[in-house]
Amino acid sequence: MHDLPRQLSADDLAALFEGRSRFVERLAALANPLAEARRLLRSLPEEEVIEALAAHPRIGERAASHASAREQGSDEDPDVLADLASLNRAYEEKFGFRFVVFVNRRPKAEILEVLRARLARSREEELQMAIDDLVAIAEDRYRPTGGAASR
């Protein structure tokens, strides 16, 4: 990806990845951090990957950052939020880590179907998908039409 930055600070990366983690600190030391993010995540101990995933708010919960709030939209249907909370719990119980999805401004009701489908997958498939989505979110936020670079 030629439009990705060659160097970002830990603070820059923390904004893209929802907080400082050991992953963000390691990533900040690399010359081309976003291009290397997936490779680095896949090389880390699982505990550090789970820590990086846990920095993101649960889909349907009040987002901590402006970027997450904007990405998750304002769909506040109580039934949808209750279903998301229940499915988030089931996901975390089954897989042992937070459900992370590249929402890409889709309504929360649409994410319910994604979450249901992903609950049927294996833990290894889900961990790889979570890594891909985590990085896709950061890449999207970095782009001028995303979040971090347009602030």
N, C-alpha and C. Protein backbone atom coordinates (compact mmCIF):
# COMPACT_ATOMS: atom_id res chain seq x y z
N MET A 1 0.85 -1.18 0.00
CA MET A 1 0.00 0.00 0.00
C MET A 1 0.89 1.24 0.00
N HIS A 2 1.00 1.86 -1.11
CA HIS A 2 1.93 2.97 -1.26
C HIS A 2 1.47 4.25 -0.56
N ASP A 3 0.19 4.34 -0.18
CA ASP A 3 -0.28 5.57 0.47
C ASP A 3 -0.20 5.50 1.99
N LEU A 4 0.39 4.46 2.53
CA LEU A 4 0.52 4.34 3.98
C LEU A 4 1.79 5.02 4.46
N PRO A 5 1.78 5.47 5.70
CA PRO A 5 2.91 6.24 6.21
C PRO A 5 4.16 5.40 6.40
N ARG A 6 5.29 6.05 6.28
CA ARG A 6 6.56 5.39 6.52
C ARG A 6 6.91 5.39 8.00
N GLN A 7 6.46 6.37 8.75
CA GLN A 7 6.78 6.42 10.18
C GLN A 7 5.63 7.09 10.92
N LEU A 8 5.22 6.49 11.99
CA LEU A 8 4.20 7.06 12.88
C LEU A 8 4.69 6.87 14.31
N SER A 9 4.37 7.83 15.16
CA SER A 9 4.75 7.72 16.56
C SER A 9 3.80 6.77 17.28
N ALA A 10 4.18 6.39 18.49
CA ALA A 10 3.30 5.54 19.31
C ALA A 10 1.98 6.25 19.57
N ASP A 11 2.00 7.56 19.75
CA ASP A 11 0.76 8.31 19.96
C ASP A 11 -0.12 8.28 18.71
N ASP A 12 0.50 8.46 17.54
CA ASP A 12 -0.26 8.39 16.28
C ASP A 12 -0.90 7.01 16.14
N LEU A 13 -0.12 5.98 16.39
CA LEU A 13 -0.62 4.62 16.25
C LEU A 13 -1.67 4.29 17.31
N ALA A 14 -1.51 4.82 18.51
CA ALA A 14 -2.51 4.61 19.56
C ALA A 14 -3.87 5.16 19.13
N ALA A 15 -3.87 6.29 18.43
CA ALA A 15 -5.13 6.85 17.93
C ALA A 15 -5.75 5.94 16.87
N LEU A 16 -4.93 5.32 16.08
CA LEU A 16 -5.44 4.44 15.02
C LEU A 16 -5.90 3.09 15.55
N PHE A 17 -5.26 2.62 16.63
CA PHE A 17 -5.55 1.28 17.18
C PHE A 17 -6.28 1.33 18.52
N GLU A 18 -6.85 2.48 18.88
CA GLU A 18 -7.67 2.63 20.09
C GLU A 18 -6.90 2.53 21.39
N GLY A 19 -5.67 2.90 21.41
CA GLY A 19 -4.95 2.94 22.68
C GLY A 19 -3.57 2.34 22.58
N ARG A 20 -2.81 2.63 23.61
CA ARG A 20 -1.44 2.12 23.67
C ARG A 20 -1.46 0.68 24.17
N SER A 21 -0.74 -0.13 23.50
CA SER A 21 -0.58 -1.53 23.89
C SER A 21 0.85 -1.92 23.56
N ARG A 22 1.24 -3.11 23.99
CA ARG A 22 2.59 -3.57 23.63
C ARG A 22 2.73 -3.65 22.12
N PHE A 23 1.67 -4.04 21.43
CA PHE A 23 1.68 -4.09 19.98
C PHE A 23 1.97 -2.70 19.39
N VAL A 24 1.27 -1.67 19.86
CA VAL A 24 1.47 -0.31 19.35
C VAL A 24 2.90 0.15 19.61
N GLU A 25 3.42 -0.14 20.78
CA GLU A 25 4.80 0.25 21.09
C GLU A 25 5.78 -0.44 20.14
N ARG A 26 5.58 -1.71 19.89
CA ARG A 26 6.47 -2.43 18.96
C ARG A 26 6.33 -1.88 17.54
N LEU A 27 5.09 -1.60 17.16
CA LEU A 27 4.81 -1.12 15.81
C LEU A 27 5.46 0.24 15.56
N ALA A 28 5.48 1.10 16.57
CA ALA A 28 6.05 2.44 16.43
C ALA A 28 7.55 2.39 16.13
N ALA A 29 8.19 1.30 16.46
CA ALA A 29 9.63 1.17 16.20
C ALA A 29 9.93 0.79 14.75
N LEU A 30 8.91 0.45 13.99
CA LEU A 30 9.12 0.00 12.61
C LEU A 30 9.06 1.18 11.65
N ALA A 31 9.81 1.08 10.57
CA ALA A 31 9.89 2.16 9.59
C ALA A 31 8.60 2.33 8.79
N ASN A 32 7.83 1.27 8.61
CA ASN A 32 6.63 1.32 7.78
C ASN A 32 5.50 0.62 8.55
N PRO A 33 5.03 1.23 9.63
CA PRO A 33 4.21 0.53 10.61
C PRO A 33 2.90 -0.07 10.08
N LEU A 34 2.13 0.68 9.33
CA LEU A 34 0.85 0.11 8.89
C LEU A 34 1.04 -1.01 7.87
N ALA A 35 2.07 -0.91 7.07
CA ALA A 35 2.35 -1.99 6.12
C ALA A 35 2.83 -3.25 6.83
N GLU A 36 3.38 -3.10 8.02
CA GLU A 36 3.92 -4.23 8.78
C GLU A 36 2.98 -4.72 9.89
N ALA A 37 1.85 -4.07 10.09
CA ALA A 37 1.00 -4.35 11.24
C ALA A 37 0.48 -5.79 11.27
N ARG A 38 -0.02 -6.30 10.15
CA ARG A 38 -0.55 -7.68 10.13
C ARG A 38 0.57 -8.68 10.43
N ARG A 39 1.71 -8.50 9.77
CA ARG A 39 2.83 -9.41 9.99
C ARG A 39 3.25 -9.40 11.45
N LEU A 40 3.36 -8.20 12.02
CA LEU A 40 3.76 -8.11 13.41
C LEU A 40 2.74 -8.77 14.33
N LEU A 41 1.46 -8.48 14.14
CA LEU A 41 0.43 -9.09 14.98
C LEU A 41 0.51 -10.62 14.92
N ARG A 42 0.71 -11.15 13.73
CA ARG A 42 0.75 -12.61 13.58
C ARG A 42 2.00 -13.23 14.20
N SER A 43 3.01 -12.41 14.48
CA SER A 43 4.24 -12.93 15.08
C SER A 43 4.25 -12.80 16.60
N LEU A 44 3.32 -12.05 17.15
CA LEU A 44 3.31 -11.78 18.59
C LEU A 44 2.73 -12.94 19.38
N PRO A 45 3.08 -13.03 20.67
CA PRO A 45 2.41 -14.00 21.53
C PRO A 45 0.91 -13.67 21.56
N GLU A 46 0.09 -14.70 21.65
CA GLU A 46 -1.35 -14.52 21.62
C GLU A 46 -1.83 -13.51 22.66
N GLU A 47 -1.22 -13.52 23.82
CA GLU A 47 -1.60 -12.58 24.89
C GLU A 47 -1.52 -11.13 24.41
N GLU A 48 -0.52 -10.79 23.62
CA GLU A 48 -0.36 -9.42 23.13
C GLU A 48 -1.37 -9.11 22.02
N VAL A 49 -1.71 -10.10 21.23
CA VAL A 49 -2.74 -9.90 20.20
C VAL A 49 -4.08 -9.62 20.88
N ILE A 50 -4.40 -10.41 21.88
CA ILE A 50 -5.66 -10.24 22.60
C ILE A 50 -5.70 -8.88 23.29
N GLU A 51 -4.58 -8.44 23.82
CA GLU A 51 -4.50 -7.10 24.43
C GLU A 51 -4.81 -6.02 23.39
N ALA A 52 -4.26 -6.16 22.18
CA ALA A 52 -4.51 -5.18 21.12
C ALA A 52 -5.98 -5.19 20.72
N LEU A 53 -6.59 -6.36 20.64
CA LEU A 53 -8.01 -6.45 20.29
C LEU A 53 -8.89 -5.84 21.38
N ALA A 54 -8.49 -6.03 22.63
CA ALA A 54 -9.28 -5.55 23.76
C ALA A 54 -9.30 -4.03 23.86
N ALA A 55 -8.39 -3.36 23.17
CA ALA A 55 -8.37 -1.90 23.20
C ALA A 55 -9.59 -1.31 22.48
N HIS A 56 -10.16 -2.06 21.55
CA HIS A 56 -11.33 -1.59 20.81
C HIS A 56 -12.59 -1.75 21.65
N PRO A 57 -13.52 -0.79 21.54
CA PRO A 57 -14.78 -0.94 22.26
C PRO A 57 -15.61 -2.07 21.65
N ARG A 58 -16.42 -2.70 22.47
CA ARG A 58 -17.33 -3.71 21.94
C ARG A 58 -18.32 -3.02 21.01
N ILE A 59 -18.62 -3.68 19.92
CA ILE A 59 -19.61 -3.13 18.99
C ILE A 59 -20.95 -3.03 19.73
N GLY A 60 -21.55 -1.87 19.65
CA GLY A 60 -22.82 -1.64 20.33
C GLY A 60 -22.69 -0.94 21.66
N GLU A 61 -21.51 -0.94 22.25
CA GLU A 61 -21.29 -0.22 23.50
C GLU A 61 -20.86 1.21 23.18
N ARG A 62 -21.00 2.08 24.14
CA ARG A 62 -20.58 3.47 23.93
C ARG A 62 -19.09 3.48 23.59
N ALA A 63 -18.79 4.08 22.47
CA ALA A 63 -17.41 4.12 22.00
C ALA A 63 -16.60 5.13 22.79
N ALA A 64 -15.38 4.77 23.11
CA ALA A 64 -14.49 5.64 23.88
C ALA A 64 -13.91 6.76 23.02
N SER A 65 -13.63 6.48 21.77
CA SER A 65 -13.00 7.48 20.92
C SER A 65 -13.99 8.05 19.91
N HIS A 66 -13.69 9.25 19.45
CA HIS A 66 -14.51 9.89 18.42
C HIS A 66 -14.54 9.03 17.15
N ALA A 67 -13.40 8.45 16.79
CA ALA A 67 -13.32 7.62 15.58
C ALA A 67 -14.24 6.42 15.68
N SER A 68 -14.23 5.72 16.82
CA SER A 68 -15.10 4.56 16.98
C SER A 68 -16.57 4.96 16.97
N ALA A 69 -16.89 6.06 17.63
CA ALA A 69 -18.28 6.52 17.66
C ALA A 69 -18.78 6.81 16.25
N ARG A 70 -17.95 7.48 15.45
CA ARG A 70 -18.33 7.80 14.08
C ARG A 70 -18.49 6.52 13.25
N GLU A 71 -17.57 5.59 13.41
CA GLU A 71 -17.60 4.36 12.62
C GLU A 71 -18.81 3.50 12.97
N GLN A 72 -19.16 3.46 14.26
CA GLN A 72 -20.28 2.61 14.69
C GLN A 72 -21.63 3.25 14.43
N GLY A 73 -21.68 4.53 14.14
CA GLY A 73 -22.93 5.18 13.81
C GLY A 73 -23.80 5.43 15.03
N SER A 74 -25.03 5.84 14.76
CA SER A 74 -25.92 6.24 15.85
C SER A 74 -27.13 5.34 15.96
N ASP A 75 -27.08 4.16 15.40
CA ASP A 75 -28.18 3.20 15.49
C ASP A 75 -28.32 2.76 16.94
N GLU A 76 -29.33 3.26 17.62
CA GLU A 76 -29.48 2.99 19.05
C GLU A 76 -30.74 2.18 19.35
N ASP A 77 -31.20 1.36 18.42
CA ASP A 77 -32.36 0.50 18.64
C ASP A 77 -32.08 -0.41 19.83
N PRO A 78 -32.90 -0.33 20.89
CA PRO A 78 -32.63 -1.11 22.10
C PRO A 78 -32.58 -2.62 21.85
N ASP A 79 -33.39 -3.12 20.93
CA ASP A 79 -33.37 -4.56 20.63
C ASP A 79 -32.05 -4.96 19.96
N VAL A 80 -31.58 -4.14 19.04
CA VAL A 80 -30.31 -4.41 18.36
C VAL A 80 -29.17 -4.35 19.36
N LEU A 81 -29.18 -3.34 20.23
CA LEU A 81 -28.11 -3.21 21.23
C LEU A 81 -28.11 -4.39 22.20
N ALA A 82 -29.30 -4.85 22.59
CA ALA A 82 -29.39 -6.01 23.49
C ALA A 82 -28.86 -7.27 22.80
N ASP A 83 -29.22 -7.44 21.53
CA ASP A 83 -28.72 -8.60 20.78
C ASP A 83 -27.20 -8.53 20.63
N LEU A 84 -26.68 -7.35 20.34
CA LEU A 84 -25.22 -7.20 20.22
C LEU A 84 -24.53 -7.53 21.53
N ALA A 85 -25.08 -7.05 22.64
CA ALA A 85 -24.46 -7.33 23.95
C ALA A 85 -24.45 -8.83 24.21
N SER A 86 -25.55 -9.51 23.92
CA SER A 86 -25.63 -10.95 24.14
C SER A 86 -24.65 -11.71 23.23
N LEU A 87 -24.60 -11.32 21.97
CA LEU A 87 -23.70 -12.00 21.03
C LEU A 87 -22.23 -11.69 21.33
N ASN A 88 -21.95 -10.47 21.77
CA ASN A 88 -20.58 -10.14 22.18
C ASN A 88 -20.14 -11.05 23.33
N ARG A 89 -21.02 -11.24 24.32
CA ARG A 89 -20.69 -12.14 25.44
C ARG A 89 -20.45 -13.56 24.96
N ALA A 90 -21.33 -14.05 24.08
CA ALA A 90 -21.18 -15.42 23.55
C ALA A 90 -19.86 -15.56 22.79
N TYR A 91 -19.53 -14.55 22.01
CA TYR A 91 -18.29 -14.56 21.23
C TYR A 91 -17.08 -14.61 22.15
N GLU A 92 -17.06 -13.74 23.14
CA GLU A 92 -15.91 -13.70 24.06
C GLU A 92 -15.80 -14.98 24.88
N GLU A 93 -16.93 -15.56 25.24
CA GLU A 93 -16.89 -16.84 25.96
C GLU A 93 -16.34 -17.95 25.07
N LYS A 94 -16.75 -17.96 23.82
CA LYS A 94 -16.31 -19.02 22.90
C LYS A 94 -14.84 -18.86 22.50
N PHE A 95 -14.44 -17.64 22.15
CA PHE A 95 -13.12 -17.44 21.56
C PHE A 95 -12.07 -16.91 22.54
N GLY A 96 -12.49 -16.25 23.60
CA GLY A 96 -11.53 -15.74 24.57
C GLY A 96 -10.92 -14.40 24.21
N PHE A 97 -11.51 -13.69 23.26
CA PHE A 97 -11.06 -12.36 22.90
C PHE A 97 -12.22 -11.57 22.33
N ARG A 98 -12.03 -10.26 22.25
CA ARG A 98 -13.06 -9.33 21.81
C ARG A 98 -13.36 -9.48 20.33
N PHE A 99 -14.63 -9.38 19.98
CA PHE A 99 -15.08 -9.33 18.59
C PHE A 99 -14.69 -7.97 18.01
N VAL A 100 -13.87 -7.98 16.98
CA VAL A 100 -13.47 -6.76 16.28
C VAL A 100 -13.87 -6.95 14.82
N VAL A 101 -14.57 -5.97 14.31
CA VAL A 101 -15.00 -6.02 12.92
C VAL A 101 -14.83 -4.65 12.28
N PHE A 102 -14.44 -4.65 11.05
CA PHE A 102 -14.35 -3.40 10.29
C PHE A 102 -15.77 -3.03 9.90
N VAL A 103 -16.37 -2.17 10.69
CA VAL A 103 -17.77 -1.80 10.52
C VAL A 103 -17.99 -1.06 9.21
N ASN A 104 -17.06 -0.20 8.88
CA ASN A 104 -17.13 0.57 7.64
C ASN A 104 -18.47 1.29 7.50
N ARG A 105 -18.93 1.84 8.64
CA ARG A 105 -20.13 2.65 8.72
C ARG A 105 -21.41 1.89 8.42
N ARG A 106 -21.38 0.57 8.51
CA ARG A 106 -22.60 -0.23 8.35
C ARG A 106 -23.45 -0.08 9.60
N PRO A 107 -24.79 -0.18 9.48
CA PRO A 107 -25.64 -0.10 10.66
C PRO A 107 -25.40 -1.30 11.59
N LYS A 108 -25.62 -1.08 12.87
CA LYS A 108 -25.39 -2.14 13.86
C LYS A 108 -26.24 -3.37 13.57
N ALA A 109 -27.45 -3.17 13.05
CA ALA A 109 -28.31 -4.32 12.73
C ALA A 109 -27.64 -5.23 11.70
N GLU A 110 -26.90 -4.67 10.79
CA GLU A 110 -26.18 -5.47 9.78
C GLU A 110 -25.03 -6.24 10.43
N ILE A 111 -24.41 -5.65 11.43
CA ILE A 111 -23.29 -6.29 12.11
C ILE A 111 -23.77 -7.51 12.90
N LEU A 112 -25.04 -7.50 13.33
CA LEU A 112 -25.58 -8.68 14.03
C LEU A 112 -25.41 -9.94 13.19
N GLU A 113 -25.71 -9.84 11.91
CA GLU A 113 -25.58 -11.01 11.02
C GLU A 113 -24.13 -11.43 10.86
N VAL A 114 -23.24 -10.45 10.79
CA VAL A 114 -21.80 -10.75 10.70
C VAL A 114 -21.35 -11.48 11.96
N LEU A 115 -21.75 -11.00 13.10
CA LEU A 115 -21.37 -11.60 14.38
C LEU A 115 -21.92 -13.01 14.51
N ARG A 116 -23.18 -13.21 14.12
CA ARG A 116 -23.76 -14.56 14.17
C ARG A 116 -22.97 -15.53 13.28
N ALA A 117 -22.64 -15.09 12.09
CA ALA A 117 -21.89 -15.95 11.16
C ALA A 117 -20.50 -16.27 11.70
N ARG A 118 -19.87 -15.28 12.31
CA ARG A 118 -18.51 -15.50 12.80
C ARG A 118 -18.48 -16.39 14.03
N LEU A 119 -19.57 -16.47 14.76
CA LEU A 119 -19.64 -17.38 15.91
C LEU A 119 -19.56 -18.84 15.47
N ALA A 120 -19.85 -19.11 14.22
CA ALA A 120 -19.82 -20.49 13.71
C ALA A 120 -18.43 -20.91 13.25
N ARG A 121 -17.49 -20.01 13.26
CA ARG A 121 -16.15 -20.30 12.76
C ARG A 121 -15.26 -20.86 13.85
N SER A 122 -14.07 -21.30 13.45
CA SER A 122 -13.10 -21.81 14.42
C SER A 122 -12.39 -20.65 15.10
N ARG A 123 -11.78 -20.93 16.23
CA ARG A 123 -11.05 -19.90 16.97
C ARG A 123 -9.89 -19.35 16.13
N GLU A 124 -9.16 -20.23 15.46
CA GLU A 124 -8.02 -19.79 14.64
C GLU A 124 -8.50 -18.90 13.49
N GLU A 125 -9.58 -19.29 12.83
CA GLU A 125 -10.13 -18.44 11.76
C GLU A 125 -10.50 -17.06 12.30
N GLU A 126 -11.13 -17.06 13.46
CA GLU A 126 -11.57 -15.80 14.05
C GLU A 126 -10.40 -14.92 14.48
N LEU A 127 -9.37 -15.53 15.03
CA LEU A 127 -8.21 -14.73 15.43
C LEU A 127 -7.57 -14.07 14.21
N GLN A 128 -7.46 -14.81 13.12
CA GLN A 128 -6.89 -14.24 11.89
C GLN A 128 -7.79 -13.14 11.33
N MET A 129 -9.11 -13.36 11.36
CA MET A 129 -10.06 -12.35 10.88
C MET A 129 -10.00 -11.10 11.76
N ALA A 130 -9.89 -11.28 13.06
CA ALA A 130 -9.81 -10.15 13.98
C ALA A 130 -8.55 -9.32 13.70
N ILE A 131 -7.44 -9.99 13.44
CA ILE A 131 -6.20 -9.28 13.10
C ILE A 131 -6.40 -8.48 11.82
N ASP A 132 -6.97 -9.11 10.81
CA ASP A 132 -7.20 -8.40 9.54
C ASP A 132 -8.11 -7.19 9.73
N ASP A 133 -9.19 -7.37 10.49
CA ASP A 133 -10.12 -6.27 10.70
C ASP A 133 -9.51 -5.16 11.54
N LEU A 134 -8.74 -5.53 12.55
CA LEU A 134 -8.08 -4.53 13.40
C LEU A 134 -7.19 -3.63 12.55
N VAL A 135 -6.42 -4.21 11.66
CA VAL A 135 -5.52 -3.44 10.81
C VAL A 135 -6.33 -2.65 9.76
N ALA A 136 -7.38 -3.25 9.21
CA ALA A 136 -8.21 -2.54 8.23
C ALA A 136 -8.83 -1.28 8.84
N ILE A 137 -9.24 -1.35 10.09
CA ILE A 137 -9.79 -0.19 10.79
C ILE A 137 -8.73 0.91 10.87
N ALA A 138 -7.53 0.54 11.30
CA ALA A 138 -6.44 1.52 11.43
C ALA A 138 -6.09 2.13 10.08
N GLU A 139 -6.01 1.31 9.04
CA GLU A 139 -5.70 1.83 7.70
C GLU A 139 -6.77 2.81 7.24
N ASP A 140 -8.02 2.47 7.49
CA ASP A 140 -9.12 3.34 7.10
C ASP A 140 -9.07 4.67 7.86
N ARG A 141 -8.75 4.60 9.13
CA ARG A 141 -8.65 5.81 9.94
C ARG A 141 -7.50 6.70 9.48
N TYR A 142 -6.44 6.09 8.99
CA TYR A 142 -5.29 6.87 8.55
C TYR A 142 -5.57 7.63 7.25
N ARG A 143 -6.31 7.02 6.36
CA ARG A 143 -6.57 7.65 5.07
C ARG A 143 -7.30 8.98 5.26
N PRO A 144 -7.06 9.95 4.37
CA PRO A 144 -7.71 11.26 4.49
C PRO A 144 -9.23 11.18 4.59
N THR A 145 -9.86 10.19 3.96
CA THR A 145 -11.31 10.06 4.06
C THR A 145 -11.70 9.26 5.29
N GLY A 146 -10.71 8.70 6.00
CA GLY A 146 -10.96 7.96 7.23
C GLY A 146 -11.03 8.93 8.38
N GLY A 147 -10.31 8.63 9.45
CA GLY A 147 -10.43 9.45 10.63
C GLY A 147 -9.19 10.22 11.02
N ALA A 148 -8.13 9.51 11.39
CA ALA A 148 -6.98 10.14 12.03
C ALA A 148 -6.32 11.21 11.15
N ALA A 149 -6.16 10.94 9.88
CA ALA A 149 -5.45 11.88 9.03
C ALA A 149 -6.29 13.12 8.69
N SER A 150 -7.59 13.03 8.85
CA SER A 150 -8.43 14.16 8.47
C SER A 150 -8.72 15.09 9.64
N ARG A 151 -8.24 14.76 10.82
CA ARG A 151 -8.49 15.63 11.98
C ARG A 151 -7.65 16.86 11.95
